[in-house]
Amino acid sequence: MAQYKYLLEEKDLPTHWYNVIPDMKTPPPPYRHPVTLKLMTPDDLAPVFPQALIMQEASQERWIEIPDEVRDVLKMWRPSPLYRAARWERALDTPAKIYYKWEGVSPPGSHKPNTAVAQCYYAKEEGLEGLATETGAGQWGSALCFATQLFGLKVKVFMVTISYHQKPYRRIAMETWGGNVVPSPSSETKAGRDILAVDPETSGSLGIAISEAIEYAVTHDGWKYSLGSVVNFVLLHQTVVGMEARKQMEMAGDYPDILIGCVGGGSNFAGLFLPFIKDKLDGSKPDLRVINVESTACPSLTRGIYAYDWGDTAKTGPVAKMHTVGHGFIPAPVHAGGLRYHGMAPIICRLLEDGFVEARAYHQNAVFEAAESFARAEGFIVAPETAHAIKAVYDEALACRESGEAKVILFNNSGHGHFDLAAYDAYHRRELPDYALEEEKIQQALAELPQVPE
């Protein structure tokens, strides 16, 4: 009888996070100050992030210990299961062996609490009153609201307007966990009011919401800003996913030929692939493929430029070197809200530049077709973001069917789609438009990049 899932015990939960930077051939370039464009110092970041996170952001230590209090909370749902998608393999008639790490078992239903819990722990240790943040699809906002309640913190969430209206159940979940949620841009910050003055009907963007959250944090005593993706310390916290997966793949007697995940800011997939890409960086697994999958509506890796850019629309956050379509980018109202950030994690971007990972982009209808195929075989209805990863797995599995190769494919199934059924309904009714970002808009946004001296 086939084995469908591989389970670890609580004692197998990782004791340390893995920091890939010491093993990278070329580390990501340092941040620049948003005003002066000079190299940022830890003191520059102090008004924004808790001190412990600032230290992790710049750390050169390969292994960073996970505090016991954080591990104790993570045990509420971790270690998460690894599944063998045997039924989907049969449905696709492929010789490929498909595995997926299922992160939808967390209370908020995604991978996001892996870093939310850590950030709330450090915020509480610093004596903070609350955290301000942004959210697109609502997964990150849900995770932070959930985690703040476990540490007695307040939370303010600026939710991208289009998602605020498309995903009311995410908002309700956040409010149930004690969150104060407002649509962004809002009238509560200068950044929001400035945007509304220019375009009162704007659908918003993550760049705008980040600006509002940072402004709120730095103008309220006892508050700091919390970020759910992109930066080094977030990717660090997510590596529990990949370290668990390594043990589970050993239990299955396999090692992946191909790793696949969706990327918006990059945290969920980096959490899976970084503990594996260590083997590619040291030369022990040179043929390992790592495929980052994004939306054609926000193609930062596949069509953006690798350059320094502000992390937010109001130019208040750190300037990072990353693949970007421009900080002024306003995304189309596609349902993959978590894949609509204008930039990408600097670690992933540097790995792409150095040829260790690859990237591709898909349209909405193709990803929902693949997600439906997966749901009918495996049962799980995934988030629209995760559906992008599933589309790439689908394509690779069919390529194996054509070639006859029995490749091992592992992907991060980063969250459930129970609050995203309106998107599936639109797909079923053939009301889901495909959208590719126009080249003119990319060039317009890129013309506003900061002029950073090399």
Protein backbone atom coordinates (compact mmCIF):
# COMPACT_ATOMS: atom_id res chain seq x y z
CA MET A 1 0.00 0.00 0.00
CA ALA A 2 1.33 3.46 -0.93
CA GLN A 3 2.52 5.79 1.83
CA TYR A 4 0.89 9.19 1.41
CA LYS A 5 2.34 11.23 4.25
CA TYR A 6 5.54 11.46 6.25
CA LEU A 7 5.21 12.74 9.79
CA LEU A 8 7.80 14.02 12.24
CA GLU A 9 7.33 14.23 16.00
CA GLU A 10 7.49 17.41 18.06
CA LYS A 11 10.98 16.47 19.22
CA ASP A 12 12.06 16.71 15.56
CA LEU A 13 11.21 20.40 15.33
CA PRO A 14 14.40 22.27 14.30
CA THR A 15 16.34 23.89 17.13
CA HIS A 16 18.08 26.42 14.84
CA TRP A 17 17.21 28.50 11.79
CA TYR A 18 19.50 28.21 8.77
CA ASN A 19 21.11 31.41 7.49
CA VAL A 20 22.15 30.93 3.85
CA ILE A 21 24.19 34.14 3.54
CA PRO A 22 27.50 32.66 4.80
CA ASP A 23 27.20 29.95 2.12
CA MET A 24 26.29 32.20 -0.82
CA LYS A 25 28.91 32.78 -3.51
CA THR A 26 27.85 36.44 -3.60
CA PRO A 27 25.88 37.83 -0.65
CA PRO A 28 23.07 40.30 -1.34
CA PRO A 29 24.31 43.91 -1.35
CA PRO A 30 23.62 45.94 1.82
CA TYR A 31 20.60 48.20 2.22
CA ARG A 32 20.73 51.91 1.45
CA HIS A 33 19.17 54.72 3.46
CA PRO A 34 15.82 55.80 1.94
CA VAL A 35 16.77 59.52 1.99
CA THR A 36 20.53 59.76 1.69
CA LEU A 37 21.02 56.49 -0.26
CA LYS A 38 24.13 55.87 1.83
CA LEU A 39 24.76 52.46 3.35
CA MET A 40 22.35 51.84 6.21
CA THR A 41 23.57 51.12 9.72
CA PRO A 42 21.76 49.13 12.42
CA ASP A 43 20.92 52.45 14.08
CA ASP A 44 19.07 53.52 10.93
CA LEU A 45 16.80 50.48 11.24
CA ALA A 46 16.22 50.86 14.99
CA PRO A 47 13.05 53.01 14.66
CA VAL A 48 11.50 50.39 12.37
CA PHE A 49 12.36 46.87 13.63
CA PRO A 50 13.02 45.25 17.03
CA GLN A 51 16.74 45.13 17.78
CA ALA A 52 17.00 41.33 17.75
CA LEU A 53 15.61 41.20 14.22
CA ILE A 54 18.06 43.87 13.06
CA MET A 55 20.89 41.70 14.34
CA GLN A 56 19.50 38.67 12.53
CA GLU A 57 19.14 40.66 9.32
CA ALA A 58 22.88 41.32 9.20
CA SER A 59 24.05 38.10 10.82
CA GLN A 60 26.90 36.09 9.33
CA GLU A 61 26.19 33.10 11.57
CA ARG A 62 25.13 29.99 9.65
CA TRP A 63 22.88 28.68 12.44
CA ILE A 64 20.78 30.87 14.73
CA GLU A 65 19.12 29.30 17.75
CA ILE A 66 15.32 29.31 17.90
CA PRO A 67 14.19 30.50 21.37
CA ASP A 68 12.38 27.86 23.41
CA GLU A 69 9.31 30.09 23.70
CA VAL A 70 9.10 30.30 19.90
CA ARG A 71 9.52 26.54 19.46
CA ASP A 72 6.80 25.97 22.06
CA VAL A 73 4.30 28.00 20.00
CA LEU A 74 5.41 26.44 16.71
CA LYS A 75 4.57 23.03 18.18
CA MET A 76 0.89 23.99 17.96
CA TRP A 77 1.10 22.84 14.32
CA ARG A 78 4.69 21.95 13.54
CA PRO A 79 6.29 19.81 12.27
CA SER A 80 3.96 20.04 9.30
CA PRO A 81 3.30 16.95 7.13
CA LEU A 82 5.00 16.02 3.89
CA TYR A 83 2.66 14.38 1.39
CA ARG A 84 3.31 12.16 -1.58
CA ALA A 85 0.87 13.26 -4.31
CA ALA A 86 0.39 9.70 -5.56
CA ARG A 87 -3.20 10.22 -6.64
CA TRP A 88 -2.29 13.30 -8.65
CA GLU A 89 0.62 11.42 -10.22
CA ARG A 90 -1.82 8.77 -11.41
CA ALA A 91 -4.27 11.39 -12.68
CA LEU A 92 -1.48 13.04 -14.69
CA ASP A 93 -0.14 9.66 -15.85
CA THR A 94 3.37 10.80 -15.04
CA PRO A 95 6.41 8.80 -13.91
CA ALA A 96 7.44 11.80 -11.80
CA LYS A 97 7.32 11.43 -8.03
CA ILE A 98 5.60 14.49 -6.55
CA TYR A 99 5.87 15.54 -2.91
CA TYR A 100 4.50 18.60 -1.16
CA LYS A 101 5.07 20.23 2.21
CA TRP A 102 1.64 21.16 3.56
CA GLU A 103 1.74 24.49 5.42
CA GLY A 104 -2.04 24.91 5.52
CA VAL A 105 -2.14 23.16 8.91
CA SER A 106 -1.24 26.32 10.87
CA PRO A 107 -4.15 28.08 12.65
CA PRO A 108 -4.20 30.94 10.07
CA GLY A 109 -3.83 28.39 7.27
CA SER A 110 -0.46 29.27 5.74
CA HIS A 111 3.31 29.35 6.26
CA LYS A 112 3.24 32.92 7.53
CA PRO A 113 3.07 32.21 11.30
CA ASN A 114 6.57 30.70 11.14
CA THR A 115 7.98 34.23 11.18
CA ALA A 116 5.03 36.02 12.83
CA VAL A 117 5.55 34.05 16.04
CA ALA A 118 9.28 34.81 16.08
CA GLN A 119 8.75 38.52 15.43
CA CYS A 120 6.13 38.81 18.17
CA TYR A 121 8.42 37.05 20.62
CA TYR A 122 11.24 39.53 19.98
CA ALA A 123 8.82 42.47 20.10
CA LYS A 124 7.55 41.33 23.50
CA GLU A 125 11.12 40.81 24.74
CA GLU A 126 11.85 44.42 23.76
CA GLY A 127 8.87 45.64 25.75
CA LEU A 128 6.85 46.92 22.79
CA GLU A 129 3.14 47.65 22.95
CA GLY A 130 2.22 46.74 19.40
CA LEU A 131 3.18 46.05 15.80
CA ALA A 132 1.97 47.65 12.57
CA THR A 133 2.01 45.84 9.26
CA GLU A 134 0.58 45.58 5.76
CA THR A 135 -1.10 42.64 4.07
CA GLY A 136 -2.10 41.84 0.52
CA ALA A 137 -4.13 38.65 0.33
CA GLY A 138 -4.53 38.67 4.09
CA GLN A 139 -2.43 35.63 4.94
CA TRP A 140 0.33 37.67 6.55
CA GLY A 141 -2.08 39.93 8.38
CA SER A 142 -3.93 36.88 9.71
CA ALA A 143 -0.69 35.30 10.88
CA LEU A 144 0.48 38.41 12.71
CA CYS A 145 -2.90 38.98 14.37
CA PHE A 146 -2.88 35.34 15.54
CA ALA A 147 0.67 35.61 16.88
CA THR A 148 0.24 38.94 18.68
CA GLN A 149 -2.52 37.46 20.83
CA LEU A 150 -0.15 34.77 22.09
CA PHE A 151 2.30 37.42 23.30
CA GLY A 152 -0.11 40.10 24.53
CA LEU A 153 0.60 42.66 21.80
CA LYS A 154 -1.64 45.05 19.87
CA VAL A 155 -1.67 45.00 16.05
CA LYS A 156 -2.61 47.44 13.28
CA VAL A 157 -3.05 46.05 9.76
CA PHE A 158 -3.16 48.10 6.55
CA MET A 159 -4.82 45.76 4.03
CA VAL A 160 -4.55 46.51 0.30
CA THR A 161 -7.96 47.93 -0.67
CA ILE A 162 -8.73 45.47 -3.47
CA SER A 163 -8.01 42.52 -1.17
CA TYR A 164 -9.93 44.16 1.69
CA HIS A 165 -13.04 43.97 -0.50
CA GLN A 166 -12.22 40.72 -2.37
CA LYS A 167 -11.41 38.77 0.80
CA PRO A 168 -13.74 39.86 3.62
CA TYR A 169 -13.27 36.59 5.49
CA ARG A 170 -9.56 37.26 5.86
CA ARG A 171 -10.45 40.61 7.43
CA ILE A 172 -12.95 38.92 9.75
CA ALA A 173 -10.31 36.37 10.80
CA MET A 174 -7.86 39.17 11.58
CA GLU A 175 -10.46 41.02 13.63
CA THR A 176 -11.36 37.80 15.47
CA TRP A 177 -7.69 37.57 16.49
CA GLY A 178 -7.80 41.16 17.78
CA GLY A 179 -6.50 43.02 14.73
CA ASN A 180 -7.39 46.61 13.87
CA VAL A 181 -7.73 46.35 10.07
CA VAL A 182 -8.17 49.26 7.65
CA PRO A 183 -8.16 49.37 3.83
CA SER A 184 -5.03 50.88 2.31
CA PRO A 185 -4.55 53.59 1.23
CA SER A 186 -6.33 55.05 4.25
CA SER A 187 -6.91 58.49 5.68
CA GLU A 188 -5.03 57.52 8.87
CA THR A 189 -1.55 58.32 7.53
CA LYS A 190 0.00 61.08 5.46
CA ALA A 191 1.20 58.48 2.94
CA GLY A 192 -2.35 57.21 2.50
CA ARG A 193 -3.90 60.66 2.28
CA ASP A 194 -1.38 61.72 -0.36
CA ILE A 195 -2.24 58.72 -2.54
CA LEU A 196 -6.00 59.24 -2.13
CA ALA A 197 -5.63 62.89 -3.09
CA VAL A 198 -4.16 61.83 -6.43
CA ASP A 199 -6.37 58.77 -7.06
CA PRO A 200 -9.39 58.40 -4.74
CA GLU A 201 -10.44 55.19 -6.53
CA THR A 202 -7.08 53.41 -6.35
CA SER A 203 -7.14 49.67 -5.66
CA GLY A 204 -3.98 50.07 -3.56
CA SER A 205 -0.72 48.15 -3.55
CA LEU A 206 1.60 46.46 -1.08
CA GLY A 207 4.07 49.32 -1.60
CA ILE A 208 1.45 51.81 -0.41
CA ALA A 209 0.38 49.63 2.52
CA ILE A 210 4.01 49.24 3.61
CA SER A 211 4.40 53.03 3.60
CA GLU A 212 1.37 53.39 5.83
CA ALA A 213 2.47 50.68 8.24
CA ILE A 214 5.98 52.11 8.61
CA GLU A 215 4.61 55.61 9.15
CA TYR A 216 2.17 54.36 11.76
CA ALA A 217 4.90 52.44 13.58
CA VAL A 218 7.44 55.25 13.73
CA THR A 219 4.86 57.84 14.84
CA HIS A 220 3.46 55.78 17.75
CA ASP A 221 5.55 55.26 20.87
CA GLY A 222 6.04 51.61 21.78
CA TRP A 223 5.25 50.38 18.28
CA LYS A 224 7.48 48.87 15.60
CA TYR A 225 6.94 47.64 12.07
CA SER A 226 6.51 43.96 11.20
CA LEU A 227 7.16 42.51 7.73
CA GLY A 228 6.03 39.13 6.43
CA SER A 229 8.39 38.59 3.50
CA VAL A 230 11.36 39.88 1.47
CA VAL A 231 13.92 40.69 4.19
CA ASN A 232 16.63 38.30 5.34
CA PHE A 233 15.31 37.61 8.84
CA VAL A 234 11.89 36.57 7.50
CA LEU A 235 13.44 34.07 5.10
CA LEU A 236 15.59 32.86 8.01
CA HIS A 237 12.53 32.10 10.16
CA GLN A 238 10.88 30.21 7.32
CA THR A 239 13.74 27.72 6.99
CA VAL A 240 12.02 25.46 9.52
CA VAL A 241 9.96 24.34 6.50
CA GLY A 242 12.94 23.14 4.48
CA MET A 243 14.78 21.58 7.40
CA GLU A 244 11.74 19.50 8.27
CA ALA A 245 11.32 18.60 4.60
CA ARG A 246 14.92 17.33 4.39
CA LYS A 247 14.25 14.86 7.19
CA GLN A 248 10.95 13.81 5.64
CA MET A 249 12.46 13.28 2.20
CA GLU A 250 15.04 11.03 3.86
CA MET A 251 12.16 9.09 5.42
CA ALA A 252 10.70 8.70 1.91
CA GLY A 253 14.05 7.57 0.54
CA ASP A 254 14.15 10.38 -2.02
CA TYR A 255 15.93 13.64 -2.76
CA PRO A 256 14.33 16.30 -5.00
CA ASP A 257 15.52 16.85 -8.55
CA ILE A 258 13.27 19.91 -8.78
CA LEU A 259 12.07 22.31 -6.07
CA ILE A 260 9.10 24.55 -6.89
CA GLY A 261 7.29 27.35 -5.08
CA CYS A 262 5.32 30.53 -5.69
CA VAL A 263 7.00 33.88 -5.00
CA GLY A 264 5.56 37.30 -4.25
CA GLY A 265 8.15 38.59 -1.82
CA GLY A 266 9.78 35.18 -1.63
CA SER A 267 9.41 33.96 1.95
CA ASN A 268 7.42 30.74 1.58
CA PHE A 269 9.50 29.22 -1.17
CA ALA A 270 12.81 30.38 0.26
CA GLY A 271 11.85 28.67 3.51
CA LEU A 272 11.61 25.39 1.63
CA PHE A 273 14.49 25.66 -0.81
CA LEU A 274 17.26 27.38 1.17
CA PRO A 275 18.10 24.32 3.33
CA PHE A 276 18.34 22.30 0.09
CA ILE A 277 20.21 24.85 -2.04
CA LYS A 278 23.03 24.61 0.46
CA ASP A 279 23.84 21.34 -1.35
CA LYS A 280 23.96 23.11 -4.70
CA LEU A 281 26.11 25.92 -3.36
CA ASP A 282 28.70 23.48 -1.98
CA GLY A 283 28.67 21.43 -5.20
CA SER A 284 27.24 18.20 -3.79
CA LYS A 285 23.97 18.53 -5.78
CA PRO A 286 24.93 20.64 -8.83
CA ASP A 287 21.93 19.54 -10.93
CA LEU A 288 19.27 20.55 -8.41
CA ARG A 289 16.71 22.83 -10.08
CA VAL A 290 14.94 25.55 -8.08
CA ILE A 291 11.96 27.15 -9.88
CA ASN A 292 10.45 30.39 -8.55
CA VAL A 293 6.95 30.98 -9.92
CA GLU A 294 5.33 34.40 -10.09
CA SER A 295 2.28 36.05 -11.64
CA THR A 296 2.39 37.64 -15.08
CA ALA A 297 0.60 40.56 -13.43
CA CYS A 298 3.67 41.32 -11.29
CA PRO A 299 6.70 39.81 -13.04
CA SER A 300 9.57 41.17 -10.96
CA LEU A 301 11.90 38.20 -11.54
CA THR A 302 11.04 37.48 -15.15
CA ARG A 303 10.66 41.02 -16.52
CA GLY A 304 11.89 43.39 -13.81
CA ILE A 305 15.35 44.87 -13.52
CA TYR A 306 17.98 43.98 -10.92
CA ALA A 307 18.60 47.32 -9.27
CA TYR A 308 18.32 49.27 -6.04
CA ASP A 309 14.75 50.34 -5.31
CA TRP A 310 12.68 51.56 -2.42
CA GLY A 311 10.68 48.90 -0.66
CA ASP A 312 7.58 51.08 -0.45
CA THR A 313 5.74 53.69 -2.48
CA ALA A 314 6.39 56.62 -0.13
CA LYS A 315 10.15 55.89 -0.08
CA THR A 316 10.34 55.54 3.69
CA GLY A 317 11.71 52.01 3.97
CA PRO A 318 15.19 50.63 3.23
CA VAL A 319 16.44 50.71 -0.35
CA ALA A 320 17.34 47.17 -1.42
CA LYS A 321 18.99 45.74 -4.50
CA MET A 322 16.41 43.38 -5.95
CA HIS A 323 14.50 42.48 -9.05
CA THR A 324 11.80 45.12 -9.26
CA VAL A 325 9.09 46.54 -11.51
CA GLY A 326 9.32 49.86 -9.64
CA HIS A 327 8.17 51.08 -6.23
CA GLY A 328 5.36 53.09 -7.85
CA PHE A 329 3.85 49.94 -9.35
CA ILE A 330 0.07 49.59 -8.95
CA PRO A 331 -0.96 45.98 -9.64
CA ALA A 332 -3.95 44.74 -11.57
CA PRO A 333 -6.75 43.37 -9.34
CA VAL A 334 -5.82 39.71 -9.85
CA HIS A 335 -6.80 37.20 -7.18
CA ALA A 336 -3.22 36.20 -6.30
CA GLY A 337 -2.96 39.11 -3.88
CA GLY A 338 0.14 37.75 -2.18
CA LEU A 339 2.09 37.82 -5.46
CA ARG A 340 1.65 41.52 -6.15
CA TYR A 341 4.69 43.07 -4.47
CA HIS A 342 6.85 45.14 -6.82
CA GLY A 343 10.14 43.62 -5.66
CA MET A 344 11.60 40.32 -4.52
CA ALA A 345 13.70 39.05 -1.62
CA PRO A 346 17.31 40.19 -2.13
CA ILE A 347 18.58 36.69 -1.29
CA ILE A 348 16.48 35.12 -4.06
CA CYS A 349 17.46 37.86 -6.50
CA ARG A 350 21.16 37.33 -5.86
CA LEU A 351 20.78 33.56 -6.30
CA LEU A 352 18.96 34.18 -9.58
CA GLU A 353 21.67 36.53 -10.80
CA ASP A 354 24.32 33.93 -9.97
CA GLY A 355 22.41 31.18 -11.81
CA PHE A 356 21.50 29.00 -8.84
CA VAL A 357 17.72 29.39 -9.25
CA GLU A 358 15.34 30.07 -12.15
CA ALA A 359 12.02 31.87 -12.56
CA ARG A 360 8.85 31.72 -14.63
CA ALA A 361 5.47 33.50 -14.68
CA TYR A 362 1.91 32.30 -15.34
CA HIS A 363 -1.53 33.75 -16.10
CA GLN A 364 -4.47 33.33 -13.72
CA ASN A 365 -6.57 30.90 -15.72
CA ALA A 366 -3.72 28.45 -16.24
CA VAL A 367 -2.93 28.32 -12.53
CA PHE A 368 -6.54 27.75 -11.53
CA GLU A 369 -6.84 24.96 -14.08
CA ALA A 370 -3.84 23.24 -12.50
CA ALA A 371 -5.09 23.93 -8.95
CA GLU A 372 -8.43 22.35 -9.79
CA SER A 373 -6.66 19.29 -11.20
CA PHE A 374 -4.71 19.03 -7.93
CA ALA A 375 -7.83 19.52 -5.77
CA ARG A 376 -9.75 16.79 -7.58
CA ALA A 377 -6.94 14.31 -7.02
CA GLU A 378 -5.47 15.36 -3.64
CA GLY A 379 -8.47 17.06 -2.04
CA PHE A 380 -6.78 20.28 -0.93
CA ILE A 381 -8.11 23.55 -2.36
CA VAL A 382 -5.08 25.82 -2.32
CA ALA A 383 -4.66 29.58 -2.20
CA PRO A 384 -4.36 31.35 -5.59
CA GLU A 385 -0.73 32.13 -4.78
CA THR A 386 0.08 28.47 -4.18
CA ALA A 387 -1.77 27.58 -7.38
CA HIS A 388 1.10 29.20 -9.30
CA ALA A 389 3.50 26.65 -7.84
CA ILE A 390 1.08 23.86 -8.69
CA LYS A 391 0.96 25.00 -12.31
CA ALA A 392 4.75 24.66 -12.56
CA VAL A 393 4.59 21.21 -10.95
CA TYR A 394 1.86 20.27 -13.43
CA ASP A 395 4.06 21.35 -16.35
CA GLU A 396 7.14 19.55 -15.05
CA ALA A 397 5.13 16.38 -14.40
CA LEU A 398 3.78 16.41 -17.95
CA ALA A 399 7.31 16.99 -19.26
CA CYS A 400 8.34 13.83 -17.38
CA ARG A 401 5.45 11.99 -19.01
CA GLU A 402 6.79 13.00 -22.41
CA SER A 403 10.42 12.15 -21.61
CA GLY A 404 9.76 9.10 -19.48
CA GLU A 405 11.96 10.46 -16.68
CA ALA A 406 10.95 9.66 -13.11
CA LYS A 407 12.12 12.94 -11.58
CA VAL A 408 11.45 13.76 -7.96
CA ILE A 409 9.53 17.04 -7.58
CA LEU A 410 9.02 18.77 -4.24
CA PHE A 411 6.91 21.90 -3.85
CA ASN A 412 5.75 24.10 -1.00
CA ASN A 413 1.99 23.91 -0.63
CA SER A 414 2.01 27.19 1.25
CA GLY A 415 -1.64 27.66 2.25
CA HIS A 416 -5.28 26.72 1.85
CA GLY A 417 -7.75 28.59 -0.35
CA HIS A 418 -10.85 28.40 1.82
CA PHE A 419 -11.14 32.19 1.89
CA ASP A 420 -10.45 32.42 -1.85
CA LEU A 421 -13.42 30.53 -3.24
CA ALA A 422 -14.69 33.63 -5.03
CA ALA A 423 -11.64 33.33 -7.27
CA TYR A 424 -12.45 29.70 -8.03
CA ASP A 425 -16.05 30.73 -8.70
CA ALA A 426 -14.87 33.37 -11.18
CA TYR A 427 -12.72 30.75 -12.88
CA HIS A 428 -15.66 28.33 -13.15
CA ARG A 429 -17.85 31.08 -14.61
CA ARG A 430 -15.13 32.02 -17.12
CA GLU A 431 -15.02 35.51 -15.62
CA LEU A 432 -11.34 35.42 -14.65
CA PRO A 433 -9.26 37.69 -16.91
CA ASP A 434 -5.65 36.98 -17.72
CA TYR A 435 -3.36 39.95 -17.34
CA ALA A 436 0.24 40.62 -18.28
CA LEU A 437 1.84 43.82 -17.05
CA GLU A 438 2.31 46.18 -19.98
CA GLU A 439 5.90 46.97 -20.92
CA GLU A 440 5.07 50.68 -20.94
CA LYS A 441 4.09 50.54 -17.27
CA ILE A 442 7.25 48.66 -16.37
CA GLN A 443 9.44 51.21 -18.11
CA GLN A 444 7.53 54.08 -16.51
CA ALA A 445 8.01 52.60 -13.05
CA LEU A 446 11.66 51.78 -13.62
CA ALA A 447 12.37 55.35 -14.71
CA GLU A 448 11.80 56.38 -11.09
CA LEU A 449 14.45 54.12 -9.53
CA PRO A 450 16.93 55.76 -7.15
CA GLN A 451 20.30 56.73 -8.57
CA VAL A 452 22.54 54.70 -6.29
CA PRO A 453 26.32 54.90 -6.86
CA GLU A 454 27.87 51.48 -7.43
